[in-house]
PDB file of all heavy atoms in Angstrom:
ATOM      1  N   ASP A   1       1.420 -12.709   0.232  1.00  0.00           N
ATOM      2  CA  ASP A   1       1.829 -14.066   0.611  1.00  0.00           C
ATOM      3  C   ASP A   1       2.280 -14.133   2.074  1.00  0.00           C
ATOM      4  O   ASP A   1       3.010 -13.272   2.557  1.00  0.00           O
ATOM      5  CB  ASP A   1       2.990 -14.497  -0.299  1.00  0.00           C
ATOM      6  CG  ASP A   1       3.218 -16.004  -0.270  1.00  0.00           C
ATOM      7  OD1 ASP A   1       2.829 -16.645   0.724  1.00  0.00           O
ATOM      8  OD2 ASP A   1       3.778 -16.533  -1.246  1.00  0.00           O
ATOM      9  N   TYR A   2       1.831 -15.199   2.776  1.00  0.00           N
ATOM     10  CA  TYR A   2       2.241 -15.418   4.162  1.00  0.00           C
ATOM     11  C   TYR A   2       3.754 -15.607   4.292  1.00  0.00           C
ATOM     12  O   TYR A   2       4.327 -15.382   5.357  1.00  0.00           O
ATOM     13  CB  TYR A   2       1.542 -16.651   4.736  1.00  0.00           C
ATOM     14  CG  TYR A   2       0.130 -16.399   5.207  1.00  0.00           C
ATOM     15  CD1 TYR A   2      -0.929 -17.162   4.728  1.00  0.00           C
ATOM     16  CD2 TYR A   2      -0.157 -15.401   6.138  1.00  0.00           C
ATOM     17  CE1 TYR A   2      -2.231 -16.947   5.161  1.00  0.00           C
ATOM     18  CE2 TYR A   2      -1.448 -15.182   6.567  1.00  0.00           C
ATOM     19  CZ  TYR A   2      -2.487 -15.951   6.083  1.00  0.00           C
ATOM     20  OH  TYR A   2      -3.762 -15.726   6.512  1.00  0.00           O
ATOM     21  N   ASP A   3       4.396 -16.049   3.217  1.00  0.00           N
ATOM     22  CA  ASP A   3       5.841 -16.282   3.269  1.00  0.00           C
ATOM     23  C   ASP A   3       6.636 -14.979   3.383  1.00  0.00           C
ATOM     24  O   ASP A   3       7.823 -14.996   3.723  1.00  0.00           O
ATOM     25  CB  ASP A   3       6.302 -17.047   2.024  1.00  0.00           C
ATOM     26  CG  ASP A   3       5.803 -18.494   2.023  1.00  0.00           C
ATOM     27  OD1 ASP A   3       5.512 -19.004   3.120  1.00  0.00           O
ATOM     28  OD2 ASP A   3       5.696 -19.095   0.938  1.00  0.00           O
ATOM     29  N   ILE A   4       6.002 -13.869   3.071  1.00  0.00           N
ATOM     30  CA  ILE A   4       6.662 -12.572   3.219  1.00  0.00           C
ATOM     31  C   ILE A   4       6.694 -12.207   4.701  1.00  0.00           C
ATOM     32  O   ILE A   4       5.652 -12.153   5.358  1.00  0.00           O
ATOM     33  CB  ILE A   4       5.925 -11.478   2.420  1.00  0.00           C
ATOM     34  CG1 ILE A   4       5.866 -11.851   0.927  1.00  0.00           C
ATOM     35  CG2 ILE A   4       6.598 -10.136   2.617  1.00  0.00           C
ATOM     36  CD1 ILE A   4       7.205 -11.964   0.261  1.00  0.00           C
ATOM     37  N   LYS A   5       7.879 -11.955   5.231  1.00  0.00           N
ATOM     38  CA  LYS A   5       8.018 -11.711   6.669  1.00  0.00           C
ATOM     39  C   LYS A   5       7.311 -10.438   7.126  1.00  0.00           C
ATOM     40  O   LYS A   5       6.621 -10.415   8.146  1.00  0.00           O
ATOM     41  CB  LYS A   5       9.508 -11.661   7.041  1.00  0.00           C
ATOM     42  CG  LYS A   5      10.206 -13.000   6.928  1.00  0.00           C
ATOM     43  CD  LYS A   5      11.661 -12.907   7.367  1.00  0.00           C
ATOM     44  CE  LYS A   5      12.330 -14.268   7.280  1.00  0.00           C
ATOM     45  NZ  LYS A   5      13.764 -14.208   7.699  1.00  0.00           N
ATOM     46  N   ASP A   6       7.498  -9.356   6.363  1.00  0.00           N
ATOM     47  CA  ASP A   6       6.902  -8.077   6.751  1.00  0.00           C
ATOM     48  C   ASP A   6       5.841  -7.682   5.724  1.00  0.00           C
ATOM     49  O   ASP A   6       6.079  -6.833   4.852  1.00  0.00           O
ATOM     50  CB  ASP A   6       7.989  -7.006   6.860  1.00  0.00           C
ATOM     51  CG  ASP A   6       7.479  -5.745   7.552  1.00  0.00           C
ATOM     52  OD1 ASP A   6       6.260  -5.668   7.826  1.00  0.00           O
ATOM     53  OD2 ASP A   6       8.296  -4.846   7.798  1.00  0.00           O
ATOM     54  N   ARG A   7       4.674  -8.285   5.819  1.00  0.00           N
ATOM     55  CA  ARG A   7       3.586  -8.012   4.875  1.00  0.00           C
ATOM     56  C   ARG A   7       3.110  -6.565   4.989  1.00  0.00           C
ATOM     57  O   ARG A   7       2.769  -5.922   4.003  1.00  0.00           O
ATOM     58  CB  ARG A   7       2.431  -8.983   5.124  1.00  0.00           C
ATOM     59  CG  ARG A   7       2.803 -10.438   4.858  1.00  0.00           C
ATOM     60  CD  ARG A   7       1.793 -11.422   5.436  1.00  0.00           C
ATOM     61  NE  ARG A   7       0.503 -11.324   4.799  1.00  0.00           N
ATOM     62  CZ  ARG A   7      -0.641 -11.084   5.442  1.00  0.00           C
ATOM     63  NH1 ARG A   7      -0.635 -10.895   6.759  1.00  0.00           N
ATOM     64  NH2 ARG A   7      -1.783 -11.020   4.796  1.00  0.00           N
ATOM     65  N   LYS A   8       3.082  -6.064   6.223  1.00  0.00           N
ATOM     66  CA  LYS A   8       2.582  -4.699   6.450  1.00  0.00           C
ATOM     67  C   LYS A   8       3.466  -3.665   5.761  1.00  0.00           C
ATOM     68  O   LYS A   8       2.977  -2.642   5.252  1.00  0.00           O
ATOM     69  CB  LYS A   8       2.543  -4.428   7.959  1.00  0.00           C
ATOM     70  CG  LYS A   8       1.915  -3.102   8.350  1.00  0.00           C
ATOM     71  CD  LYS A   8       0.451  -3.048   7.977  1.00  0.00           C
ATOM     72  CE  LYS A   8      -0.267  -1.850   8.626  1.00  0.00           C
ATOM     73  NZ  LYS A   8       0.309  -0.559   8.312  1.00  0.00           N
ATOM     74  N   SER A   9       4.767  -3.911   5.728  1.00  0.00           N
ATOM     75  CA  SER A   9       5.697  -2.965   5.105  1.00  0.00           C
ATOM     76  C   SER A   9       5.412  -2.856   3.605  1.00  0.00           C
ATOM     77  O   SER A   9       5.399  -1.744   3.046  1.00  0.00           O
ATOM     78  CB  SER A   9       7.136  -3.424   5.340  1.00  0.00           C
ATOM     79  OG  SER A   9       8.039  -2.599   4.654  1.00  0.00           O
ATOM     80  N   ILE A  10       5.195  -4.002   2.951  1.00  0.00           N
ATOM     81  CA  ILE A  10       4.881  -3.996   1.519  1.00  0.00           C
ATOM     82  C   ILE A  10       3.546  -3.305   1.281  1.00  0.00           C
ATOM     83  O   ILE A  10       3.386  -2.525   0.332  1.00  0.00           O
ATOM     84  CB  ILE A  10       4.860  -5.432   0.967  1.00  0.00           C
ATOM     85  CG1 ILE A  10       6.278  -6.017   1.004  1.00  0.00           C
ATOM     86  CG2 ILE A  10       4.301  -5.473  -0.451  1.00  0.00           C
ATOM     87  CD1 ILE A  10       6.374  -7.434   0.536  1.00  0.00           C
ATOM     88  N   TYR A  11       2.582  -3.586   2.159  1.00  0.00           N
ATOM     89  CA  TYR A  11       1.261  -2.958   2.058  1.00  0.00           C
ATOM     90  C   TYR A  11       1.401  -1.428   2.122  1.00  0.00           C
ATOM     91  O   TYR A  11       0.851  -0.706   1.278  1.00  0.00           O
ATOM     92  CB  TYR A  11       0.377  -3.466   3.190  1.00  0.00           C
ATOM     93  CG  TYR A  11      -0.887  -2.664   3.427  1.00  0.00           C
ATOM     94  CD1 TYR A  11      -2.039  -2.903   2.697  1.00  0.00           C
ATOM     95  CD2 TYR A  11      -0.911  -1.663   4.398  1.00  0.00           C
ATOM     96  CE1 TYR A  11      -3.193  -2.159   2.914  1.00  0.00           C
ATOM     97  CE2 TYR A  11      -2.058  -0.904   4.628  1.00  0.00           C
ATOM     98  CZ  TYR A  11      -3.195  -1.164   3.888  1.00  0.00           C
ATOM     99  OH  TYR A  11      -4.334  -0.429   4.108  1.00  0.00           O
ATOM    100  N   ASP A  12       2.138  -0.949   3.104  1.00  0.00           N
ATOM    101  CA  ASP A  12       2.316   0.495   3.270  1.00  0.00           C
ATOM    102  C   ASP A  12       3.015   1.109   2.056  1.00  0.00           C
ATOM    103  O   ASP A  12       2.656   2.214   1.604  1.00  0.00           O
ATOM    104  CB  ASP A  12       3.135   0.791   4.527  1.00  0.00           C
ATOM    105  CG  ASP A  12       2.364   0.483   5.808  1.00  0.00           C
ATOM    106  OD1 ASP A  12       1.114   0.465   5.756  1.00  0.00           O
ATOM    107  OD2 ASP A  12       3.013   0.240   6.846  1.00  0.00           O
ATOM    108  N   HIS A  13       3.989   0.389   1.533  1.00  0.00           N
ATOM    109  CA  HIS A  13       4.751   0.888   0.376  1.00  0.00           C
ATOM    110  C   HIS A  13       3.824   1.061  -0.829  1.00  0.00           C
ATOM    111  O   HIS A  13       3.858   2.087  -1.517  1.00  0.00           O
ATOM    112  CB  HIS A  13       5.872  -0.105   0.056  1.00  0.00           C
ATOM    113  CG  HIS A  13       6.835   0.408  -0.963  1.00  0.00           C
ATOM    114  ND1 HIS A  13       7.898  -0.329  -1.441  1.00  0.00           N
ATOM    115  CD2 HIS A  13       6.888   1.592  -1.631  1.00  0.00           C
ATOM    116  CE1 HIS A  13       8.555   0.367  -2.334  1.00  0.00           C
ATOM    117  NE2 HIS A  13       7.972   1.539  -2.468  1.00  0.00           N
ATOM    118  N   ILE A  14       2.983   0.064  -1.072  1.00  0.00           N
ATOM    119  CA  ILE A  14       2.064   0.106  -2.219  1.00  0.00           C
ATOM    120  C   ILE A  14       1.058   1.244  -2.065  1.00  0.00           C
ATOM    121  O   ILE A  14       0.814   2.015  -3.004  1.00  0.00           O
ATOM    122  CB  ILE A  14       1.329  -1.238  -2.374  1.00  0.00           C
ATOM    123  CG1 ILE A  14       2.327  -2.333  -2.795  1.00  0.00           C
ATOM    124  CG2 ILE A  14       0.204  -1.141  -3.407  1.00  0.00           C
ATOM    125  CD1 ILE A  14       1.746  -3.735  -2.781  1.00  0.00           C
ATOM    126  N   VAL A  15       0.472   1.358  -0.887  1.00  0.00           N
ATOM    127  CA  VAL A  15      -0.529   2.412  -0.648  1.00  0.00           C
ATOM    128  C   VAL A  15       0.090   3.796  -0.814  1.00  0.00           C
ATOM    129  O   VAL A  15      -0.518   4.702  -1.415  1.00  0.00           O
ATOM    130  CB  VAL A  15      -1.162   2.245   0.757  1.00  0.00           C
ATOM    131  CG1 VAL A  15      -2.071   3.433   1.067  1.00  0.00           C
ATOM    132  CG2 VAL A  15      -1.960   0.947   0.832  1.00  0.00           C
ATOM    133  N   ASN A  16       1.295   3.970  -0.309  1.00  0.00           N
ATOM    134  CA  ASN A  16       1.974   5.268  -0.463  1.00  0.00           C
ATOM    135  C   ASN A  16       2.249   5.591  -1.929  1.00  0.00           C
ATOM    136  O   ASN A  16       2.074   6.746  -2.373  1.00  0.00           O
ATOM    137  CB  ASN A  16       3.287   5.273   0.325  1.00  0.00           C
ATOM    138  CG  ASN A  16       3.061   5.339   1.826  1.00  0.00           C
ATOM    139  OD1 ASN A  16       2.045   5.867   2.284  1.00  0.00           O
ATOM    140  ND2 ASN A  16       3.996   4.812   2.594  1.00  0.00           N
ATOM    141  N   ASP A  17       2.662   4.575  -2.703  1.00  0.00           N
ATOM    142  CA  ASP A  17       2.896   4.781  -4.141  1.00  0.00           C
ATOM    143  C   ASP A  17       1.607   5.191  -4.846  1.00  0.00           C
ATOM    144  O   ASP A  17       1.612   6.081  -5.717  1.00  0.00           O
ATOM    145  CB  ASP A  17       3.443   3.500  -4.770  1.00  0.00           C
ATOM    146  CG  ASP A  17       4.907   3.256  -4.427  1.00  0.00           C
ATOM    147  OD1 ASP A  17       5.551   4.176  -3.877  1.00  0.00           O
ATOM    148  OD2 ASP A  17       5.389   2.134  -4.689  1.00  0.00           O
ATOM    149  N   LEU A  18       0.515   4.562  -4.470  1.00  0.00           N
ATOM    150  CA  LEU A  18      -0.771   4.874  -5.099  1.00  0.00           C
ATOM    151  C   LEU A  18      -1.229   6.287  -4.757  1.00  0.00           C
ATOM    152  O   LEU A  18      -1.770   7.005  -5.614  1.00  0.00           O
ATOM    153  CB  LEU A  18      -1.832   3.853  -4.648  1.00  0.00           C
ATOM    154  CG  LEU A  18      -1.649   2.415  -5.156  1.00  0.00           C
ATOM    155  CD1 LEU A  18      -2.685   1.487  -4.536  1.00  0.00           C
ATOM    156  CD2 LEU A  18      -1.755   2.370  -6.679  1.00  0.00           C
ATOM    157  N   LYS A  19      -1.009   6.673  -3.517  1.00  0.00           N
ATOM    158  CA  LYS A  19      -1.394   8.029  -3.104  1.00  0.00           C
ATOM    159  C   LYS A  19      -0.575   9.082  -3.846  1.00  0.00           C
ATOM    160  O   LYS A  19      -1.079  10.164  -4.176  1.00  0.00           O
ATOM    161  CB  LYS A  19      -1.215   8.185  -1.596  1.00  0.00           C
ATOM    162  CG  LYS A  19      -2.267   7.444  -0.781  1.00  0.00           C
ATOM    163  CD  LYS A  19      -2.033   7.628   0.723  1.00  0.00           C
ATOM    164  CE  LYS A  19      -3.130   6.937   1.516  1.00  0.00           C
ATOM    165  NZ  LYS A  19      -2.920   7.068   2.991  1.00  0.00           N
ATOM    166  N   ASN A  20       0.681   8.769  -4.112  1.00  0.00           N
ATOM    167  CA  ASN A  20       1.527   9.697  -4.859  1.00  0.00           C
ATOM    168  C   ASN A  20       1.087   9.790  -6.320  1.00  0.00           C
ATOM    169  O   ASN A  20       1.110  10.872  -6.918  1.00  0.00           O
ATOM    170  CB  ASN A  20       2.992   9.261  -4.795  1.00  0.00           C
ATOM    171  CG  ASN A  20       3.587   9.448  -3.415  1.00  0.00           C
ATOM    172  OD1 ASN A  20       3.172  10.331  -2.659  1.00  0.00           O
ATOM    173  ND2 ASN A  20       4.578   8.625  -3.073  1.00  0.00           N
ATOM    174  N   ASP A  21       0.706   8.650  -6.903  1.00  0.00           N
ATOM    175  CA  ASP A  21       0.290   8.624  -8.309  1.00  0.00           C
ATOM    176  C   ASP A  21      -1.115   9.184  -8.508  1.00  0.00           C
ATOM    177  O   ASP A  21      -1.424   9.746  -9.565  1.00  0.00           O
ATOM    178  CB  ASP A  21       0.347   7.196  -8.846  1.00  0.00           C
ATOM    179  CG  ASP A  21       1.774   6.684  -8.997  1.00  0.00           C
ATOM    180  OD1 ASP A  21       2.711   7.502  -8.865  1.00  0.00           O
ATOM    181  OD2 ASP A  21       1.949   5.473  -9.230  1.00  0.00           O
ATOM    182  N   TYR A  22      -1.984   9.002  -7.513  1.00  0.00           N
ATOM    183  CA  TYR A  22      -3.384   9.448  -7.623  1.00  0.00           C
ATOM    184  C   TYR A  22      -3.770  10.239  -6.368  1.00  0.00           C
ATOM    185  O   TYR A  22      -4.595   9.796  -5.560  1.00  0.00           O
ATOM    186  CB  TYR A  22      -4.322   8.250  -7.797  1.00  0.00           C
ATOM    187  CG  TYR A  22      -4.020   7.408  -9.015  1.00  0.00           C
ATOM    188  CD1 TYR A  22      -3.187   6.285  -8.919  1.00  0.00           C
ATOM    189  CD2 TYR A  22      -4.545   7.734 -10.260  1.00  0.00           C
ATOM    190  CE1 TYR A  22      -2.904   5.508 -10.033  1.00  0.00           C
ATOM    191  CE2 TYR A  22      -4.267   6.968 -11.385  1.00  0.00           C
ATOM    192  CZ  TYR A  22      -3.446   5.862 -11.265  1.00  0.00           C
ATOM    193  OH  TYR A  22      -3.175   5.096 -12.372  1.00  0.00           O
ATOM    194  N   PRO A  23      -3.193  11.417  -6.185  1.00  0.00           N
ATOM    195  CA  PRO A  23      -3.434  12.195  -4.962  1.00  0.00           C
ATOM    196  C   PRO A  23      -4.877  12.667  -4.811  1.00  0.00           C
ATOM    197  O   PRO A  23      -5.303  13.031  -3.707  1.00  0.00           O
ATOM    198  CB  PRO A  23      -2.482  13.389  -5.111  1.00  0.00           C
ATOM    199  CG  PRO A  23      -2.245  13.502  -6.582  1.00  0.00           C
ATOM    200  CD  PRO A  23      -2.273  12.121  -7.109  1.00  0.00           C
ATOM    201  N   GLN A  24      -5.630  12.660  -5.904  1.00  0.00           N
ATOM    202  CA  GLN A  24      -7.018  13.126  -5.837  1.00  0.00           C
ATOM    203  C   GLN A  24      -7.962  12.113  -5.204  1.00  0.00           C
ATOM    204  O   GLN A  24      -9.123  12.436  -4.914  1.00  0.00           O
ATOM    205  CB  GLN A  24      -7.530  13.486  -7.253  1.00  0.00           C
ATOM    206  CG  GLN A  24      -7.742  12.305  -8.203  1.00  0.00           C
ATOM    207  CD  GLN A  24      -6.491  11.904  -8.972  1.00  0.00           C
ATOM    208  OE1 GLN A  24      -5.392  11.997  -8.441  1.00  0.00           O
ATOM    209  NE2 GLN A  24      -6.680  11.474 -10.198  1.00  0.00           N
ATOM    210  N   TYR A  25      -7.475  10.876  -4.973  1.00  0.00           N
ATOM    211  CA  TYR A  25      -8.342   9.824  -4.434  1.00  0.00           C
ATOM    212  C   TYR A  25      -7.939   9.424  -3.016  1.00  0.00           C
ATOM    213  O   TYR A  25      -6.759   9.459  -2.648  1.00  0.00           O
ATOM    214  CB  TYR A  25      -8.295   8.585  -5.329  1.00  0.00           C
ATOM    215  CG  TYR A  25      -8.970   8.785  -6.672  1.00  0.00           C
ATOM    216  CD1 TYR A  25      -8.214   8.879  -7.837  1.00  0.00           C
ATOM    217  CD2 TYR A  25     -10.355   8.881  -6.770  1.00  0.00           C
ATOM    218  CE1 TYR A  25      -8.816   9.068  -9.079  1.00  0.00           C
ATOM    219  CE2 TYR A  25     -10.973   9.062  -8.003  1.00  0.00           C
ATOM    220  CZ  TYR A  25     -10.197   9.159  -9.151  1.00  0.00           C
ATOM    221  OH  TYR A  25     -10.809   9.347 -10.364  1.00  0.00           O
ATOM    222  N   ASP A  26      -8.949   9.039  -2.264  1.00  0.00           N
ATOM    223  CA  ASP A  26      -8.725   8.458  -0.935  1.00  0.00           C
ATOM    224  C   ASP A  26      -8.714   6.936  -1.092  1.00  0.00           C
ATOM    225  O   ASP A  26      -9.699   6.356  -1.570  1.00  0.00           O
ATOM    226  CB  ASP A  26      -9.850   8.881   0.020  1.00  0.00           C
ATOM    227  CG  ASP A  26      -9.731   8.198   1.373  1.00  0.00           C
ATOM    228  OD1 ASP A  26      -8.596   7.964   1.824  1.00  0.00           O
ATOM    229  OD2 ASP A  26     -10.782   7.878   1.963  1.00  0.00           O
ATOM    230  N   PHE A  27      -7.612   6.302  -0.705  1.00  0.00           N
ATOM    231  CA  PHE A  27      -7.484   4.858  -0.906  1.00  0.00           C
ATOM    232  C   PHE A  27      -7.905   4.084   0.346  1.00  0.00           C
ATOM    233  O   PHE A  27      -7.402   4.332   1.451  1.00  0.00           O
ATOM    234  CB  PHE A  27      -6.046   4.492  -1.279  1.00  0.00           C
ATOM    235  CG  PHE A  27      -5.726   4.766  -2.717  1.00  0.00           C
ATOM    236  CD1 PHE A  27      -5.275   6.032  -3.104  1.00  0.00           C
ATOM    237  CD2 PHE A  27      -5.918   3.798  -3.687  1.00  0.00           C
ATOM    238  CE1 PHE A  27      -5.007   6.300  -4.435  1.00  0.00           C
ATOM    239  CE2 PHE A  27      -5.642   4.063  -5.016  1.00  0.00           C
ATOM    240  CZ  PHE A  27      -5.194   5.320  -5.400  1.00  0.00           C
ATOM    241  N   GLN A  28      -8.862   3.183   0.163  1.00  0.00           N
ATOM    242  CA  GLN A  28      -9.338   2.309   1.230  1.00  0.00           C
ATOM    243  C   GLN A  28      -8.936   0.878   0.862  1.00  0.00           C
ATOM    244  O   GLN A  28      -9.680   0.151   0.188  1.00  0.00           O
ATOM    245  CB  GLN A  28     -10.860   2.425   1.384  1.00  0.00           C
ATOM    246  CG  GLN A  28     -11.326   3.836   1.703  1.00  0.00           C
ATOM    247  CD  GLN A  28     -12.825   3.996   1.658  1.00  0.00           C
ATOM    248  OE1 GLN A  28     -13.552   3.054   1.349  1.00  0.00           O
ATOM    249  NE2 GLN A  28     -13.300   5.196   1.971  1.00  0.00           N
ATOM    250  N   VAL A  29      -7.739   0.512   1.286  1.00  0.00           N
ATOM    251  CA  VAL A  29      -7.157  -0.784   0.908  1.00  0.00           C
ATOM    252  C   VAL A  29      -7.126  -1.704   2.128  1.00  0.00           C
ATOM    253  O   VAL A  29      -6.563  -1.353   3.166  1.00  0.00           O
ATOM    254  CB  VAL A  29      -5.739  -0.616   0.345  1.00  0.00           C
ATOM    255  CG1 VAL A  29      -5.182  -1.954  -0.118  1.00  0.00           C
ATOM    256  CG2 VAL A  29      -5.745   0.386  -0.807  1.00  0.00           C
ATOM    257  N   ILE A  30      -7.728  -2.870   1.981  1.00  0.00           N
ATOM    258  CA  ILE A  30      -7.743  -3.849   3.068  1.00  0.00           C
ATOM    259  C   ILE A  30      -6.657  -4.893   2.807  1.00  0.00           C
ATOM    260  O   ILE A  30      -6.595  -5.482   1.719  1.00  0.00           O
ATOM    261  CB  ILE A  30      -9.115  -4.547   3.163  1.00  0.00           C
ATOM    262  CG1 ILE A  30     -10.194  -3.543   3.586  1.00  0.00           C
ATOM    263  CG2 ILE A  30      -9.072  -5.707   4.153  1.00  0.00           C
ATOM    264  CD1 ILE A  30     -11.590  -4.103   3.623  1.00  0.00           C
TER     265      ILE A  30
END
């Protein structure tokens, strides 16, 4: 959502969580 001030921070948090849960995969998230 555009209303979220720091969208990039949430994006980074989610990608890092996914990498921790599924370390065998390379995540390409746009």
